């Protein structure tokens, strides 16, 4: 996505409405990544995937 760590975190929180762990929390090599821990039901996981899909589609359309 070519975003800074701060921009990536803001995208997931504001646009995808998902609270993920920043990759930097695990090591310097985690920069540019987010971590999704998914010990959740299938229904909740499908909701997470739909939220992420919608946010990514919106971002792609806006950046055309």
PDB file of N, CA and C in Angstrom:
ATOM      1  N   UNK A   1       0.827  -1.203   0.000  1.00  0.00           N
ATOM      2  CA  UNK A   1       0.000   0.000   0.000  1.00  0.00           C
ATOM      3  C   UNK A   1       0.862   1.253   0.000  1.00  0.00           C
ATOM      4  N   UNK A   2       2.149   1.067   0.231  1.00  0.00           N
ATOM      5  CA  UNK A   2       3.083   2.194   0.212  1.00  0.00           C
ATOM      6  C   UNK A   2       2.701   3.277   1.219  1.00  0.00           C
ATOM      7  N   UNK A   3       2.385   2.870   2.449  1.00  0.00           N
ATOM      8  CA  UNK A   3       2.017   3.797   3.515  1.00  0.00           C
ATOM      9  C   UNK A   3       3.054   3.722   4.629  1.00  0.00           C
ATOM     10  N   UNK A   4       3.216   4.822   5.331  1.00  0.00           N
ATOM     11  CA  UNK A   4       4.076   4.805   6.512  1.00  0.00           C
ATOM     12  C   UNK A   4       3.380   3.957   7.584  1.00  0.00           C
ATOM     13  N   UNK A   5       4.109   3.610   8.630  1.00  0.00           N
ATOM     14  CA  UNK A   5       3.508   2.825   9.702  1.00  0.00           C
ATOM     15  C   UNK A   5       2.313   3.553  10.313  1.00  0.00           C
ATOM     16  N   UNK A   6       2.438   4.854  10.494  1.00  0.00           N
ATOM     17  CA  UNK A   6       1.340   5.646  11.057  1.00  0.00           C
ATOM     18  C   UNK A   6       0.140   5.662  10.108  1.00  0.00           C
ATOM     19  N   UNK A   7       0.386   5.861   8.820  1.00  0.00           N
ATOM     20  CA  UNK A   7      -0.702   5.885   7.842  1.00  0.00           C
ATOM     21  C   UNK A   7      -1.387   4.517   7.736  1.00  0.00           C
ATOM     22  N   UNK A   8      -0.598   3.457   7.827  1.00  0.00           N
ATOM     23  CA  UNK A   8      -1.145   2.114   7.753  1.00  0.00           C
ATOM     24  C   UNK A   8      -2.062   1.855   8.951  1.00  0.00           C
ATOM     25  N   UNK A   9      -1.607   2.232  10.131  1.00  0.00           N
ATOM     26  CA  UNK A   9      -2.432   2.066  11.338  1.00  0.00           C
ATOM     27  C   UNK A   9      -3.716   2.875  11.223  1.00  0.00           C
ATOM     28  N   UNK A  10      -3.625   4.115  10.744  1.00  0.00           N
ATOM     29  CA  UNK A  10      -4.810   4.959  10.580  1.00  0.00           C
ATOM     30  C   UNK A  10      -5.786   4.354   9.566  1.00  0.00           C
ATOM     31  N   UNK A  11      -5.264   3.778   8.481  1.00  0.00           N
ATOM     32  CA  UNK A  11      -6.124   3.138   7.486  1.00  0.00           C
ATOM     33  C   UNK A  11      -6.938   2.025   8.132  1.00  0.00           C
ATOM     34  N   UNK A  12      -6.265   1.159   8.893  1.00  0.00           N
ATOM     35  CA  UNK A  12      -6.986   0.032   9.487  1.00  0.00           C
ATOM     36  C   UNK A  12      -7.985   0.486  10.540  1.00  0.00           C
ATOM     37  N   UNK A  13      -7.649   1.489  11.317  1.00  0.00           N
ATOM     38  CA  UNK A  13      -8.560   1.955  12.362  1.00  0.00           C
ATOM     39  C   UNK A  13      -9.703   2.770  11.770  1.00  0.00           C
ATOM     40  N   UNK A  14      -9.392   3.770  10.961  1.00  0.00           N
ATOM     41  CA  UNK A  14     -10.420   4.690  10.461  1.00  0.00           C
ATOM     42  C   UNK A  14     -11.213   4.128   9.288  1.00  0.00           C
ATOM     43  N   UNK A  15     -10.537   3.523   8.334  1.00  0.00           N
ATOM     44  CA  UNK A  15     -11.215   3.073   7.124  1.00  0.00           C
ATOM     45  C   UNK A  15     -11.770   1.658   7.243  1.00  0.00           C
ATOM     46  N   UNK A  16     -10.958   0.725   7.718  1.00  0.00           N
ATOM     47  CA  UNK A  16     -11.408  -0.662   7.825  1.00  0.00           C
ATOM     48  C   UNK A  16     -12.115  -0.929   9.155  1.00  0.00           C
ATOM     49  N   UNK A  17     -11.968   0.008  10.100  1.00  0.00           N
ATOM     50  CA  UNK A  17     -12.555  -0.123  11.430  1.00  0.00           C
ATOM     51  C   UNK A  17     -12.112  -1.424  12.119  1.00  0.00           C
ATOM     52  N   UNK A  18     -10.813  -1.686  12.004  1.00  0.00           N
ATOM     53  CA  UNK A  18     -10.212  -2.864  12.611  1.00  0.00           C
ATOM     54  C   UNK A  18      -9.027  -2.449  13.474  1.00  0.00           C
ATOM     55  N   UNK A  19      -8.987  -2.951  14.674  1.00  0.00           N
ATOM     56  CA  UNK A  19      -7.864  -2.681  15.568  1.00  0.00           C
ATOM     57  C   UNK A  19      -6.861  -3.817  15.488  1.00  0.00           C
ATOM     58  N   UNK A  20      -5.850  -3.654  14.671  1.00  0.00           N
ATOM     59  CA  UNK A  20      -4.826  -4.678  14.510  1.00  0.00           C
ATOM     60  C   UNK A  20      -3.568  -4.279  15.265  1.00  0.00           C
ATOM     61  N   UNK A  21      -2.649  -5.219  15.410  1.00  0.00           N
ATOM     62  CA  UNK A  21      -1.369  -4.930  16.039  1.00  0.00           C
ATOM     63  C   UNK A  21      -0.391  -4.435  14.981  1.00  0.00           C
ATOM     64  N   UNK A  22       0.298  -3.351  15.284  1.00  0.00           N
ATOM     65  CA  UNK A  22       1.315  -2.838  14.364  1.00  0.00           C
ATOM     66  C   UNK A  22       2.479  -3.818  14.308  1.00  0.00           C
ATOM     67  N   UNK A  23       2.987  -4.049  13.111  1.00  0.00           N
ATOM     68  CA  UNK A  23       4.119  -4.951  12.940  1.00  0.00           C
ATOM     69  C   UNK A  23       5.341  -4.521  13.732  1.00  0.00           C
ATOM     70  N   UNK A  24       5.501  -3.207  13.899  1.00  0.00           N
ATOM     71  CA  UNK A  24       6.644  -2.688  14.661  1.00  0.00           C
ATOM     72  C   UNK A  24       6.646  -3.160  16.110  1.00  0.00           C
ATOM     73  N   UNK A  25       5.490  -3.546  16.629  1.00  0.00           N
ATOM     74  CA  UNK A  25       5.416  -4.028  18.007  1.00  0.00           C
ATOM     75  C   UNK A  25       6.173  -5.342  18.174  1.00  0.00           C
ATOM     76  N   UNK A  26       6.455  -6.023  17.068  1.00  0.00           N
ATOM     77  CA  UNK A  26       7.101  -7.323  17.120  1.00  0.00           C
ATOM     78  C   UNK A  26       8.570  -7.273  16.733  1.00  0.00           C
ATOM     79  N   UNK A  27       8.951  -6.313  15.902  1.00  0.00           N
ATOM     80  CA  UNK A  27      10.357  -6.102  15.553  1.00  0.00           C
ATOM     81  C   UNK A  27      10.445  -4.998  14.505  1.00  0.00           C
ATOM     82  N   UNK A  28      11.662  -4.499  14.285  1.00  0.00           N
ATOM     83  CA  UNK A  28      11.866  -3.474  13.249  1.00  0.00           C
ATOM     84  C   UNK A  28      11.482  -3.994  11.872  1.00  0.00           C
ATOM     85  N   UNK A  29      11.677  -5.303  11.660  1.00  0.00           N
ATOM     86  CA  UNK A  29      11.332  -5.907  10.375  1.00  0.00           C
ATOM     87  C   UNK A  29       9.822  -5.898  10.137  1.00  0.00           C
ATOM     88  N   UNK A  30       9.046  -5.640  11.172  1.00  0.00           N
ATOM     89  CA  UNK A  30       7.591  -5.584  11.056  1.00  0.00           C
ATOM     90  C   UNK A  30       7.082  -4.273  10.499  1.00  0.00           C
ATOM     91  N   UNK A  31       7.968  -3.331  10.258  1.00  0.00           N
ATOM     92  CA  UNK A  31       7.572  -2.043   9.694  1.00  0.00           C
ATOM     93  C   UNK A  31       6.859  -2.263   8.361  1.00  0.00           C
ATOM     94  N   UNK A  32       5.719  -1.614   8.201  1.00  0.00           N
ATOM     95  CA  UNK A  32       4.948  -1.732   6.970  1.00  0.00           C
ATOM     96  C   UNK A  32       3.947  -2.872   6.985  1.00  0.00           C
ATOM     97  N   UNK A  33       3.853  -3.551   8.136  1.00  0.00           N
ATOM     98  CA  UNK A  33       2.928  -4.676   8.264  1.00  0.00           C
ATOM     99  C   UNK A  33       1.998  -4.460   9.447  1.00  0.00           C
ATOM    100  N   UNK A  34       0.855  -5.131   9.398  1.00  0.00           N
ATOM    101  CA  UNK A  34      -0.077  -5.164  10.520  1.00  0.00           C
ATOM    102  C   UNK A  34      -0.354  -6.621  10.820  1.00  0.00           C
ATOM    103  N   UNK A  35      -0.655  -6.925  12.080  1.00  0.00           N
ATOM    104  CA  UNK A  35      -0.882  -8.308  12.484  1.00  0.00           C
ATOM    105  C   UNK A  35      -2.321  -8.471  12.937  1.00  0.00           C
ATOM    106  N   UNK A  36      -2.976  -9.466  12.364  1.00  0.00           N
ATOM    107  CA  UNK A  36      -4.351  -9.795  12.721  1.00  0.00           C
ATOM    108  C   UNK A  36      -4.339 -11.096  13.508  1.00  0.00           C
ATOM    109  N   UNK A  37      -4.767 -11.033  14.752  1.00  0.00           N
ATOM    110  CA  UNK A  37      -4.897 -12.231  15.585  1.00  0.00           C
ATOM    111  C   UNK A  37      -6.360 -12.642  15.516  1.00  0.00           C
ATOM    112  N   UNK A  38      -6.629 -13.820  15.014  1.00  0.00           N
ATOM    113  CA  UNK A  38      -8.024 -14.168  14.762  1.00  0.00           C
ATOM    114  C   UNK A  38      -8.513 -15.420  15.475  1.00  0.00           C
ATOM    115  N   UNK A  39      -8.537 -15.348  16.773  1.00  0.00           N
ATOM    116  CA  UNK A  39      -9.148 -16.389  17.587  1.00  0.00           C
ATOM    117  C   UNK A  39     -10.612 -15.999  17.790  1.00  0.00           C
ATOM    118  N   UNK A  40     -11.357 -16.013  16.665  1.00  0.00           N
ATOM    119  CA  UNK A  40     -12.748 -15.575  16.667  1.00  0.00           C
ATOM    120  C   UNK A  40     -13.589 -16.571  15.878  1.00  0.00           C
ATOM    121  N   UNK A  41     -14.891 -16.418  15.981  1.00  0.00           N
ATOM    122  CA  UNK A  41     -15.801 -17.307  15.254  1.00  0.00           C
ATOM    123  C   UNK A  41     -15.722 -17.026  13.759  1.00  0.00           C
ATOM    124  N   UNK A  42     -16.186 -17.982  12.981  1.00  0.00           N
ATOM    125  CA  UNK A  42     -16.212 -17.815  11.527  1.00  0.00           C
ATOM    126  C   UNK A  42     -17.051 -16.607  11.134  1.00  0.00           C
ATOM    127  N   UNK A  43     -18.193 -16.411  11.791  1.00  0.00           N
ATOM    128  CA  UNK A  43     -19.048 -15.258  11.471  1.00  0.00           C
ATOM    129  C   UNK A  43     -18.312 -13.935  11.665  1.00  0.00           C
ATOM    130  N   UNK A  44     -17.599 -13.811  12.773  1.00  0.00           N
ATOM    131  CA  UNK A  44     -16.844 -12.584  13.032  1.00  0.00           C
ATOM    132  C   UNK A  44     -15.700 -12.429  12.033  1.00  0.00           C
ATOM    133  N   UNK A  45     -15.040 -13.524  11.687  1.00  0.00           N
ATOM    134  CA  UNK A  45     -13.943 -13.454  10.728  1.00  0.00           C
ATOM    135  C   UNK A  45     -14.450 -13.008   9.361  1.00  0.00           C
ATOM    136  N   UNK A  46     -15.608 -13.502   8.949  1.00  0.00           N
ATOM    137  CA  UNK A  46     -16.192 -13.066   7.676  1.00  0.00           C
ATOM    138  C   UNK A  46     -16.514 -11.576   7.702  1.00  0.00           C
ATOM    139  N   UNK A  47     -16.969 -11.075   8.846  1.00  0.00           N
ATOM    140  CA  UNK A  47     -17.240  -9.638   8.983  1.00  0.00           C
ATOM    141  C   UNK A  47     -15.939  -8.839   8.843  1.00  0.00           C
ATOM    142  N   UNK A  48     -14.876  -9.293   9.488  1.00  0.00           N
ATOM    143  CA  UNK A  48     -13.568  -8.643   9.394  1.00  0.00           C
ATOM    144  C   UNK A  48     -13.107  -8.595   7.941  1.00  0.00           C
ATOM    145  N   UNK A  49     -13.231  -9.708   7.240  1.00  0.00           N
ATOM    146  CA  UNK A  49     -12.799  -9.765   5.841  1.00  0.00           C
ATOM    147  C   UNK A  49     -13.614  -8.800   4.983  1.00  0.00           C
ATOM    148  N   UNK A  50     -14.915  -8.717   5.216  1.00  0.00           N
ATOM    149  CA  UNK A  50     -15.756  -7.792   4.447  1.00  0.00           C
ATOM    150  C   UNK A  50     -15.386  -6.343   4.737  1.00  0.00           C
ATOM    151  N   UNK A  51     -15.111  -6.021   5.998  1.00  0.00           N
ATOM    152  CA  UNK A  51     -14.702  -4.660   6.355  1.00  0.00           C
ATOM    153  C   UNK A  51     -13.404  -4.292   5.648  1.00  0.00           C
ATOM    154  N   UNK A  52     -12.456  -5.198   5.675  1.00  0.00           N
ATOM    155  CA  UNK A  52     -11.164  -4.946   5.037  1.00  0.00           C
ATOM    156  C   UNK A  52     -11.326  -4.825   3.527  1.00  0.00           C
ATOM    157  N   UNK A  53     -12.116  -5.699   2.937  1.00  0.00           N
ATOM    158  CA  UNK A  53     -12.364  -5.645   1.494  1.00  0.00           C
ATOM    159  C   UNK A  53     -12.987  -4.312   1.091  1.00  0.00           C
ATOM    160  N   UNK A  54     -13.984  -3.864   1.838  1.00  0.00           N
ATOM    161  CA  UNK A  54     -14.646  -2.586   1.534  1.00  0.00           C
ATOM    162  C   UNK A  54     -13.685  -1.413   1.637  1.00  0.00           C
ATOM    163  N   UNK A  55     -12.866  -1.407   2.687  1.00  0.00           N
ATOM    164  CA  UNK A  55     -11.912  -0.312   2.875  1.00  0.00           C
ATOM    165  C   UNK A  55     -10.866  -0.300   1.762  1.00  0.00           C
ATOM    166  N   UNK A  56     -10.396  -1.470   1.357  1.00  0.00           N
ATOM    167  CA  UNK A  56      -9.398  -1.542   0.279  1.00  0.00           C
ATOM    168  C   UNK A  56      -9.997  -1.120  -1.056  1.00  0.00           C
ATOM    169  N   UNK A  57     -11.230  -1.533  -1.331  1.00  0.00           N
ATOM    170  CA  UNK A  57     -11.892  -1.126  -2.573  1.00  0.00           C
ATOM    171  C   UNK A  57     -12.061   0.381  -2.620  1.00  0.00           C
ATOM    172  N   UNK A  58     -12.499   0.966  -1.505  1.00  0.00           N
ATOM    173  CA  UNK A  58     -12.692   2.417  -1.426  1.00  0.00           C
ATOM    174  C   UNK A  58     -11.358   3.133  -1.678  1.00  0.00           C
ATOM    175  N   UNK A  59     -10.295   2.633  -1.057  1.00  0.00           N
ATOM    176  CA  UNK A  59      -8.974   3.252  -1.236  1.00  0.00           C
ATOM    177  C   UNK A  59      -8.515   3.162  -2.695  1.00  0.00           C
ATOM    178  N   UNK A  60      -8.740   2.030  -3.328  1.00  0.00           N
ATOM    179  CA  UNK A  60      -8.346   1.854  -4.731  1.00  0.00           C
ATOM    180  C   UNK A  60      -9.099   2.835  -5.631  1.00  0.00           C
ATOM    181  N   UNK A  61     -10.386   2.992  -5.374  1.00  0.00           N
ATOM    182  CA  UNK A  61     -11.200   3.911  -6.183  1.00  0.00           C
ATOM    183  C   UNK A  61     -10.736   5.346  -5.984  1.00  0.00           C
ATOM    184  N   UNK A  62     -10.467   5.722  -4.741  1.00  0.00           N
ATOM    185  CA  UNK A  62     -10.027   7.095  -4.439  1.00  0.00           C
ATOM    186  C   UNK A  62      -8.660   7.408  -5.024  1.00  0.00           C
ATOM    187  N   UNK A  63      -7.808   6.407  -5.182  1.00  0.00           N
ATOM    188  CA  UNK A  63      -6.443   6.635  -5.647  1.00  0.00           C
ATOM    189  C   UNK A  63      -6.270   6.446  -7.144  1.00  0.00           C
ATOM    190  N   UNK A  64      -7.352   6.308  -7.863  1.00  0.00           N
ATOM    191  CA  UNK A  64      -7.256   6.172  -9.324  1.00  0.00           C
ATOM    192  C   UNK A  64      -7.017   7.487  -9.981  1.00  0.00           C
TER     193      UNK A  64
END
